[in-house]
Amino acid sequence: MRHLVIAAHPNTKSFNHAVVETYVAALEKRKHRVEWRDLYAANFNPVMSARDSAAIGHGRPSKDIRDEQAAIRRADVVTFISPLWWSGFPAMLKGYLDRVFCAGFAYMIKD
């Protein structure tokens, strides 16, 4: 199976990163293919700009969004690992979900 692991914690010494490393190692030991995305290390831009919104509305998301969508399409399993801060996940992950899981990719809008 092909796994995509998306990590969202700014500290590489965190418990979350230890969970990611353990999870990835266990998958690889079982001969699964694993692609690991560290949103902070990749400097992913979580901000949905007016330009992003317009481009998505026209079915032409930016390259960084298309790259993430391609990684998701390649995966059989997508796993998100992040802390819970104030009963939610970090803004980095929220922005990732907003920008990447957009109309035309994750859902369709009917007229």
C-alpha atoms as a PDB file:
ATOM      1  CA  MET A   1       0.000   0.000   0.000  1.00  0.00           C
ATOM      2  CA  ARG A   2       0.988   3.586  -0.549  1.00  0.00           C
ATOM      3  CA  HIS A   3       0.796   5.812   2.517  1.00  0.00           C
ATOM      4  CA  LEU A   4       0.960   9.585   2.710  1.00  0.00           C
ATOM      5  CA  VAL A   5       1.810  10.873   6.186  1.00  0.00           C
ATOM      6  CA  ILE A   6       1.242  14.576   6.795  1.00  0.00           C
ATOM      7  CA  ALA A   7       2.881  15.984   9.910  1.00  0.00           C
ATOM      8  CA  ALA A   8       2.057  19.380  11.390  1.00  0.00           C
ATOM      9  CA  HIS A   9       4.233  20.293  14.361  1.00  0.00           C
ATOM     10  CA  PRO A  10       6.910  23.003  14.301  1.00  0.00           C
ATOM     11  CA  ASN A  11       9.302  21.229  16.689  1.00  0.00           C
ATOM     12  CA  THR A  12      11.252  18.316  15.229  1.00  0.00           C
ATOM     13  CA  LYS A  13      12.018  17.132  18.792  1.00  0.00           C
ATOM     14  CA  SER A  14       8.325  16.904  19.683  1.00  0.00           C
ATOM     15  CA  PHE A  15       6.333  13.842  20.687  1.00  0.00           C
ATOM     16  CA  ASN A  16       4.407  14.261  17.418  1.00  0.00           C
ATOM     17  CA  HIS A  17       7.586  13.859  15.377  1.00  0.00           C
ATOM     18  CA  ALA A  18       8.489  10.771  17.401  1.00  0.00           C
ATOM     19  CA  VAL A  19       5.030   9.366  16.573  1.00  0.00           C
ATOM     20  CA  VAL A  20       5.563  10.105  12.865  1.00  0.00           C
ATOM     21  CA  GLU A  21       9.001   8.497  12.828  1.00  0.00           C
ATOM     22  CA  THR A  22       7.726   5.392  14.659  1.00  0.00           C
ATOM     23  CA  TYR A  23       4.680   5.105  12.394  1.00  0.00           C
ATOM     24  CA  VAL A  24       6.729   5.528   9.204  1.00  0.00           C
ATOM     25  CA  ALA A  25       9.321   2.988  10.394  1.00  0.00           C
ATOM     26  CA  ALA A  26       6.578   0.448  11.183  1.00  0.00           C
ATOM     27  CA  LEU A  27       5.011   0.902   7.747  1.00  0.00           C
ATOM     28  CA  GLU A  28       8.350   0.609   5.958  1.00  0.00           C
ATOM     29  CA  LYS A  29       9.201  -2.515   7.959  1.00  0.00           C
ATOM     30  CA  ARG A  30       6.029  -4.042   6.539  1.00  0.00           C
ATOM     31  CA  LYS A  31       7.172  -3.050   3.026  1.00  0.00           C
ATOM     32  CA  HIS A  32       4.585  -0.307   2.542  1.00  0.00           C
ATOM     33  CA  ARG A  33       5.518   2.690   0.416  1.00  0.00           C
ATOM     34  CA  VAL A  34       5.549   5.842   2.516  1.00  0.00           C
ATOM     35  CA  GLU A  35       5.680   9.488   1.528  1.00  0.00           C
ATOM     36  CA  TRP A  36       6.089  11.821   4.491  1.00  0.00           C
ATOM     37  CA  ARG A  37       5.181  15.506   4.350  1.00  0.00           C
ATOM     38  CA  ASP A  38       6.341  17.782   7.183  1.00  0.00           C
ATOM     39  CA  LEU A  39       4.351  20.957   6.543  1.00  0.00           C
ATOM     40  CA  TYR A  40       6.605  23.152   8.681  1.00  0.00           C
ATOM     41  CA  ALA A  41       9.875  21.816   7.221  1.00  0.00           C
ATOM     42  CA  ALA A  42       8.421  22.292   3.722  1.00  0.00           C
ATOM     43  CA  ASN A  43       7.435  25.886   4.573  1.00  0.00           C
ATOM     44  CA  PHE A  44       3.942  25.162   3.301  1.00  0.00           C
ATOM     45  CA  ASN A  45       1.966  28.403   3.015  1.00  0.00           C
ATOM     46  CA  PRO A  46      -1.305  27.801   4.916  1.00  0.00           C
ATOM     47  CA  VAL A  47      -2.874  31.137   3.957  1.00  0.00           C
ATOM     48  CA  MET A  48      -5.736  31.017   1.459  1.00  0.00           C
ATOM     49  CA  SER A  49      -5.153  34.171  -0.538  1.00  0.00           C
ATOM     50  CA  ALA A  50      -7.632  35.966  -2.772  1.00  0.00           C
ATOM     51  CA  ARG A  51      -5.499  34.796  -5.696  1.00  0.00           C
ATOM     52  CA  ASP A  52      -5.762  31.152  -4.500  1.00  0.00           C
ATOM     53  CA  SER A  53      -9.502  31.454  -4.112  1.00  0.00           C
ATOM     54  CA  ALA A  54      -9.964  32.895  -7.593  1.00  0.00           C
ATOM     55  CA  ALA A  55      -7.643  30.324  -9.198  1.00  0.00           C
ATOM     56  CA  ILE A  56      -9.421  27.454  -7.463  1.00  0.00           C
ATOM     57  CA  GLY A  57     -12.752  28.913  -8.548  1.00  0.00           C
ATOM     58  CA  HIS A  58     -11.531  28.743 -12.151  1.00  0.00           C
ATOM     59  CA  GLY A  59     -10.219  25.191 -11.727  1.00  0.00           C
ATOM     60  CA  ARG A  60      -6.565  26.275 -11.796  1.00  0.00           C
ATOM     61  CA  PRO A  61      -5.070  25.932  -8.310  1.00  0.00           C
ATOM     62  CA  SER A  62      -1.450  26.989  -7.795  1.00  0.00           C
ATOM     63  CA  LYS A  63       1.423  24.556  -8.271  1.00  0.00           C
ATOM     64  CA  ASP A  64       1.962  23.958  -4.540  1.00  0.00           C
ATOM     65  CA  ILE A  65      -1.687  22.936  -4.193  1.00  0.00           C
ATOM     66  CA  ARG A  66      -1.558  20.724  -7.295  1.00  0.00           C
ATOM     67  CA  ASP A  67       1.593  19.028  -5.965  1.00  0.00           C
ATOM     68  CA  GLU A  68      -0.137  18.186  -2.673  1.00  0.00           C
ATOM     69  CA  GLN A  69      -3.235  16.956  -4.482  1.00  0.00           C
ATOM     70  CA  ALA A  70      -1.062  14.704  -6.651  1.00  0.00           C
ATOM     71  CA  ALA A  71       0.522  13.217  -3.512  1.00  0.00           C
ATOM     72  CA  ILE A  72      -2.944  12.532  -2.098  1.00  0.00           C
ATOM     73  CA  ARG A  73      -4.069  10.902  -5.352  1.00  0.00           C
ATOM     74  CA  ARG A  74      -1.036   8.586  -5.265  1.00  0.00           C
ATOM     75  CA  ALA A  75      -1.872   7.419  -1.742  1.00  0.00           C
ATOM     76  CA  ASP A  76      -4.100   4.565  -0.676  1.00  0.00           C
ATOM     77  CA  VAL A  77      -4.028   5.854   2.904  1.00  0.00           C
ATOM     78  CA  VAL A  78      -3.590   9.420   4.177  1.00  0.00           C
ATOM     79  CA  THR A  79      -2.615   9.910   7.826  1.00  0.00           C
ATOM     80  CA  PHE A  80      -2.515  13.275   9.603  1.00  0.00           C
ATOM     81  CA  ILE A  81      -0.375  13.598  12.728  1.00  0.00           C
ATOM     82  CA  SER A  82      -0.512  16.837  14.672  1.00  0.00           C
ATOM     83  CA  PRO A  83      -0.993  18.122  18.197  1.00  0.00           C
ATOM     84  CA  LEU A  84      -4.299  19.327  19.591  1.00  0.00           C
ATOM     85  CA  TRP A  85      -4.035  22.965  20.559  1.00  0.00           C
ATOM     86  CA  TRP A  86      -7.029  24.611  22.205  1.00  0.00           C
ATOM     87  CA  SER A  87      -9.205  21.652  21.164  1.00  0.00           C
ATOM     88  CA  GLY A  88      -8.139  21.890  17.521  1.00  0.00           C
ATOM     89  CA  PHE A  89      -5.194  21.288  15.266  1.00  0.00           C
ATOM     90  CA  PRO A  90      -2.558  23.887  14.341  1.00  0.00           C
ATOM     91  CA  ALA A  91      -3.402  26.655  11.874  1.00  0.00           C
ATOM     92  CA  MET A  92      -0.781  25.131   9.557  1.00  0.00           C
ATOM     93  CA  LEU A  93      -2.899  21.981   9.153  1.00  0.00           C
ATOM     94  CA  LYS A  94      -6.174  23.931   8.927  1.00  0.00           C
ATOM     95  CA  GLY A  95      -4.671  26.029   6.131  1.00  0.00           C
ATOM     96  CA  TYR A  96      -3.429  22.891   4.387  1.00  0.00           C
ATOM     97  CA  LEU A  97      -6.916  21.390   4.474  1.00  0.00           C
ATOM     98  CA  ASP A  98      -8.524  24.637   3.286  1.00  0.00           C
ATOM     99  CA  ARG A  99      -6.153  25.101   0.367  1.00  0.00           C
ATOM    100  CA  VAL A 100      -5.614  21.489  -0.725  1.00  0.00           C
ATOM    101  CA  PHE A 101      -9.005  19.861  -0.093  1.00  0.00           C
ATOM    102  CA  CYS A 102     -10.764  22.454  -2.216  1.00  0.00           C
ATOM    103  CA  ALA A 103     -13.692  22.488  -4.624  1.00  0.00           C
ATOM    104  CA  GLY A 104     -12.934  20.519  -7.743  1.00  0.00           C
ATOM    105  CA  PHE A 105     -10.663  18.160  -5.841  1.00  0.00           C
ATOM    106  CA  ALA A 106     -12.307  17.069  -2.594  1.00  0.00           C
ATOM    107  CA  TYR A 107     -15.859  18.006  -3.537  1.00  0.00           C
ATOM    108  CA  MET A 108     -17.939  19.535  -6.301  1.00  0.00           C
ATOM    109  CA  ILE A 109     -20.225  22.525  -6.142  1.00  0.00           C
ATOM    110  CA  LYS A 110     -23.496  22.148  -8.034  1.00  0.00           C
ATOM    111  CA  ASP A 111     -25.062  25.168  -9.690  1.00  0.00           C
END
